[in-house]
Amino acid sequence: MNGRSYHLVASATDTCVRIFYLRFDEQSLSITIDKNIVLPGCGMRLSWNVMSTQLAVSEPKRIRLYKSEKTEWSEARVIEENSGD
């Protein structure tokens, strides 16, 4: 878990990307959602880096890179497809 007391799960829809902070309670065997973050963009594919501090979101002709500082997420870079014109 990289020293964290929670797990990160990312989900993509046609309108946004959501990042969920999940915490597992061993006594009650339950999972709670601590935080739900909505990022702009429609994701077709998501990919975390090894430490789960960066998230790549692929869209048609574009890749968005998000990075976190603790629990705050920001868009670090947008890579556009070169049309070759």
N, C-alpha and C. Protein backbone atom coordinates (compact mmCIF):
# COMPACT_ATOMS: atom_id res chain seq x y z
N MET A 1 0.82 -1.22 0.00
CA MET A 1 0.00 0.00 0.00
C MET A 1 0.85 1.26 0.00
N ASN A 2 2.13 1.13 -0.14
CA ASN A 2 3.02 2.29 -0.23
C ASN A 2 2.97 3.15 1.03
N GLY A 3 2.72 2.56 2.19
CA GLY A 3 2.68 3.32 3.43
C GLY A 3 1.40 4.10 3.63
N ARG A 4 0.41 3.88 2.81
CA ARG A 4 -0.86 4.59 2.93
C ARG A 4 -1.88 3.74 3.66
N SER A 5 -2.85 4.40 4.25
CA SER A 5 -3.93 3.68 4.93
C SER A 5 -5.16 3.57 4.04
N TYR A 6 -4.99 3.81 2.75
CA TYR A 6 -6.11 3.75 1.81
C TYR A 6 -5.63 3.21 0.47
N HIS A 7 -6.58 2.84 -0.38
CA HIS A 7 -6.29 2.41 -1.74
C HIS A 7 -6.91 3.40 -2.71
N LEU A 8 -6.33 3.55 -3.88
CA LEU A 8 -6.88 4.42 -4.91
C LEU A 8 -7.48 3.58 -6.03
N VAL A 9 -8.66 3.98 -6.48
CA VAL A 9 -9.32 3.33 -7.61
C VAL A 9 -9.76 4.43 -8.56
N ALA A 10 -9.45 4.28 -9.84
CA ALA A 10 -9.86 5.25 -10.85
C ALA A 10 -10.90 4.60 -11.76
N SER A 11 -11.88 5.41 -12.17
CA SER A 11 -12.95 4.94 -13.04
C SER A 11 -13.19 5.99 -14.11
N ALA A 12 -13.36 5.55 -15.36
CA ALA A 12 -13.57 6.48 -16.47
C ALA A 12 -14.98 6.30 -17.03
N THR A 13 -15.59 7.43 -17.39
CA THR A 13 -16.89 7.42 -18.06
C THR A 13 -16.77 8.27 -19.32
N ASP A 14 -17.87 8.47 -20.01
CA ASP A 14 -17.84 9.31 -21.22
C ASP A 14 -17.80 10.80 -20.89
N THR A 15 -17.93 11.18 -19.62
CA THR A 15 -17.93 12.60 -19.27
C THR A 15 -16.84 12.99 -18.28
N CYS A 16 -16.30 12.03 -17.52
CA CYS A 16 -15.32 12.40 -16.51
C CYS A 16 -14.51 11.19 -16.07
N VAL A 17 -13.51 11.47 -15.27
CA VAL A 17 -12.70 10.45 -14.61
C VAL A 17 -12.86 10.66 -13.12
N ARG A 18 -13.12 9.59 -12.40
CA ARG A 18 -13.28 9.68 -10.94
C ARG A 18 -12.16 8.92 -10.26
N ILE A 19 -11.66 9.51 -9.17
CA ILE A 19 -10.67 8.84 -8.33
C ILE A 19 -11.32 8.65 -6.97
N PHE A 20 -11.35 7.41 -6.51
CA PHE A 20 -11.93 7.08 -5.22
C PHE A 20 -10.82 6.71 -4.24
N TYR A 21 -10.91 7.23 -3.04
CA TYR A 21 -10.02 6.86 -1.95
C TYR A 21 -10.78 5.87 -1.09
N LEU A 22 -10.33 4.63 -1.07
CA LEU A 22 -11.03 3.57 -0.35
C LEU A 22 -10.24 3.16 0.88
N ARG A 23 -10.98 2.97 1.97
CA ARG A 23 -10.37 2.52 3.22
C ARG A 23 -11.08 1.25 3.67
N PHE A 24 -10.30 0.22 4.02
CA PHE A 24 -10.84 -1.06 4.44
C PHE A 24 -10.80 -1.14 5.96
N ASP A 25 -11.95 -1.42 6.57
CA ASP A 25 -12.05 -1.59 8.01
C ASP A 25 -12.03 -3.08 8.33
N GLU A 26 -10.95 -3.55 8.94
CA GLU A 26 -10.80 -4.99 9.20
C GLU A 26 -11.80 -5.52 10.22
N GLN A 27 -12.21 -4.69 11.17
CA GLN A 27 -13.13 -5.17 12.19
C GLN A 27 -14.53 -5.40 11.64
N SER A 28 -15.01 -4.46 10.83
CA SER A 28 -16.37 -4.60 10.30
C SER A 28 -16.38 -5.21 8.90
N LEU A 29 -15.19 -5.47 8.35
CA LEU A 29 -15.04 -6.01 6.99
C LEU A 29 -15.81 -5.16 5.98
N SER A 30 -15.67 -3.85 6.10
CA SER A 30 -16.36 -2.95 5.18
C SER A 30 -15.36 -2.04 4.48
N ILE A 31 -15.80 -1.51 3.36
CA ILE A 31 -15.01 -0.55 2.59
C ILE A 31 -15.77 0.77 2.58
N THR A 32 -15.09 1.84 2.90
CA THR A 32 -15.71 3.17 2.86
C THR A 32 -14.99 4.03 1.83
N ILE A 33 -15.75 4.91 1.19
CA ILE A 33 -15.18 5.86 0.25
C ILE A 33 -14.88 7.14 1.01
N ASP A 34 -13.61 7.43 1.20
CA ASP A 34 -13.19 8.62 1.93
C ASP A 34 -13.32 9.88 1.08
N LYS A 35 -13.01 9.76 -0.19
CA LYS A 35 -13.00 10.93 -1.06
C LYS A 35 -13.31 10.50 -2.47
N ASN A 36 -14.04 11.33 -3.19
CA ASN A 36 -14.42 11.07 -4.58
C ASN A 36 -14.05 12.32 -5.37
N ILE A 37 -13.06 12.21 -6.24
CA ILE A 37 -12.58 13.35 -7.01
C ILE A 37 -13.00 13.18 -8.46
N VAL A 38 -13.54 14.25 -9.05
CA VAL A 38 -13.96 14.21 -10.46
C VAL A 38 -12.99 15.08 -11.26
N LEU A 39 -12.38 14.49 -12.28
CA LEU A 39 -11.46 15.19 -13.16
C LEU A 39 -12.10 15.37 -14.53
N PRO A 40 -11.82 16.47 -15.23
CA PRO A 40 -12.42 16.68 -16.55
C PRO A 40 -11.85 15.73 -17.58
N GLY A 41 -12.61 15.49 -18.61
CA GLY A 41 -12.15 14.64 -19.70
C GLY A 41 -12.85 13.30 -19.71
N CYS A 42 -12.97 12.75 -20.88
CA CYS A 42 -13.59 11.42 -21.00
C CYS A 42 -12.48 10.41 -21.21
N GLY A 43 -12.38 9.46 -20.33
CA GLY A 43 -11.30 8.50 -20.41
C GLY A 43 -11.69 7.24 -21.14
N MET A 44 -10.81 6.77 -21.99
CA MET A 44 -11.00 5.48 -22.64
C MET A 44 -10.11 4.43 -21.97
N ARG A 45 -8.99 4.88 -21.44
CA ARG A 45 -8.06 3.98 -20.76
C ARG A 45 -7.33 4.77 -19.69
N LEU A 46 -7.12 4.14 -18.54
CA LEU A 46 -6.44 4.77 -17.42
C LEU A 46 -5.21 3.95 -17.06
N SER A 47 -4.16 4.63 -16.60
CA SER A 47 -2.96 3.92 -16.19
C SER A 47 -2.28 4.69 -15.06
N TRP A 48 -1.99 3.99 -13.96
CA TRP A 48 -1.30 4.57 -12.82
C TRP A 48 0.20 4.38 -12.97
N ASN A 49 0.99 5.26 -12.33
CA ASN A 49 2.40 4.96 -12.18
C ASN A 49 2.56 4.03 -10.98
N VAL A 50 3.75 3.57 -10.70
CA VAL A 50 3.97 2.56 -9.67
C VAL A 50 3.52 3.03 -8.29
N MET A 51 3.73 4.28 -7.96
CA MET A 51 3.38 4.80 -6.63
C MET A 51 1.97 5.38 -6.55
N SER A 52 1.23 5.34 -7.64
CA SER A 52 -0.13 5.89 -7.70
C SER A 52 -0.17 7.38 -7.40
N THR A 53 0.86 8.09 -7.84
CA THR A 53 0.89 9.54 -7.68
C THR A 53 0.62 10.26 -8.99
N GLN A 54 0.60 9.51 -10.10
CA GLN A 54 0.28 10.07 -11.41
C GLN A 54 -0.69 9.14 -12.12
N LEU A 55 -1.60 9.76 -12.86
CA LEU A 55 -2.61 9.00 -13.61
C LEU A 55 -2.62 9.50 -15.04
N ALA A 56 -2.48 8.58 -15.98
CA ALA A 56 -2.58 8.91 -17.41
C ALA A 56 -3.96 8.52 -17.89
N VAL A 57 -4.63 9.46 -18.57
CA VAL A 57 -5.98 9.25 -19.07
C VAL A 57 -5.94 9.42 -20.59
N SER A 58 -6.22 8.35 -21.31
CA SER A 58 -6.20 8.46 -22.77
C SER A 58 -7.61 8.75 -23.27
N GLU A 59 -7.67 9.69 -24.19
CA GLU A 59 -8.89 10.11 -24.86
C GLU A 59 -8.63 10.02 -26.36
N PRO A 60 -9.64 10.15 -27.17
CA PRO A 60 -9.38 10.19 -28.61
C PRO A 60 -8.42 11.35 -28.96
N LYS A 61 -7.27 11.03 -29.52
CA LYS A 61 -6.27 12.00 -29.98
C LYS A 61 -5.63 12.84 -28.87
N ARG A 62 -5.74 12.38 -27.61
CA ARG A 62 -5.19 13.17 -26.51
C ARG A 62 -4.89 12.27 -25.31
N ILE A 63 -3.83 12.62 -24.59
CA ILE A 63 -3.53 11.98 -23.31
C ILE A 63 -3.39 13.08 -22.28
N ARG A 64 -4.09 12.93 -21.17
CA ARG A 64 -3.99 13.87 -20.05
C ARG A 64 -3.22 13.20 -18.93
N LEU A 65 -2.26 13.91 -18.36
CA LEU A 65 -1.50 13.41 -17.22
C LEU A 65 -1.87 14.21 -15.99
N TYR A 66 -2.30 13.52 -14.97
CA TYR A 66 -2.65 14.15 -13.69
C TYR A 66 -1.65 13.70 -12.64
N LYS A 67 -1.34 14.60 -11.70
CA LYS A 67 -0.46 14.22 -10.61
C LYS A 67 -1.05 14.70 -9.30
N SER A 68 -0.66 14.04 -8.24
CA SER A 68 -1.21 14.39 -6.93
C SER A 68 -0.12 14.93 -6.01
N GLU A 69 -0.54 15.84 -5.20
CA GLU A 69 0.24 16.33 -4.07
C GLU A 69 -0.63 16.04 -2.86
N LYS A 70 -0.31 14.96 -2.17
CA LYS A 70 -1.12 14.42 -1.07
C LYS A 70 -2.46 13.99 -1.64
N THR A 71 -3.55 14.69 -1.36
CA THR A 71 -4.86 14.28 -1.91
C THR A 71 -5.42 15.29 -2.91
N GLU A 72 -4.60 16.24 -3.34
CA GLU A 72 -5.02 17.23 -4.33
C GLU A 72 -4.49 16.83 -5.70
N TRP A 73 -5.38 16.71 -6.69
CA TRP A 73 -5.00 16.30 -8.03
C TRP A 73 -5.04 17.49 -8.97
N SER A 74 -4.05 17.58 -9.86
CA SER A 74 -4.02 18.65 -10.85
C SER A 74 -3.54 18.09 -12.19
N GLU A 75 -3.95 18.76 -13.26
CA GLU A 75 -3.53 18.34 -14.58
C GLU A 75 -2.09 18.80 -14.80
N ALA A 76 -1.21 17.84 -15.01
CA ALA A 76 0.21 18.17 -15.17
C ALA A 76 0.56 18.47 -16.61
N ARG A 77 -0.08 17.75 -17.55
CA ARG A 77 0.27 17.93 -18.96
C ARG A 77 -0.81 17.34 -19.85
N VAL A 78 -0.96 17.93 -21.03
CA VAL A 78 -1.85 17.39 -22.05
C VAL A 78 -1.02 17.14 -23.30
N ILE A 79 -1.07 15.94 -23.82
CA ILE A 79 -0.33 15.59 -25.04
C ILE A 79 -1.35 15.38 -26.14
N GLU A 80 -1.25 16.21 -27.18
CA GLU A 80 -2.19 16.14 -28.32
C GLU A 80 -1.56 15.38 -29.46
N GLU A 81 -2.39 14.68 -30.24
CA GLU A 81 -1.91 14.00 -31.42
C GLU A 81 -1.53 15.03 -32.47
N ASN A 82 -0.40 14.84 -33.13
CA ASN A 82 0.02 15.71 -34.20
C ASN A 82 -0.69 15.28 -35.47
N SER A 83 -1.47 16.18 -36.05
CA SER A 83 -2.25 15.81 -37.24
C SER A 83 -1.38 15.69 -38.49
N GLY A 84 -0.17 16.19 -38.44
CA GLY A 84 0.76 16.06 -39.56
C GLY A 84 0.44 17.04 -40.70
N ASP A 85 -0.32 18.07 -40.43
CA ASP A 85 -0.65 19.06 -41.48
C ASP A 85 0.50 19.94 -41.82
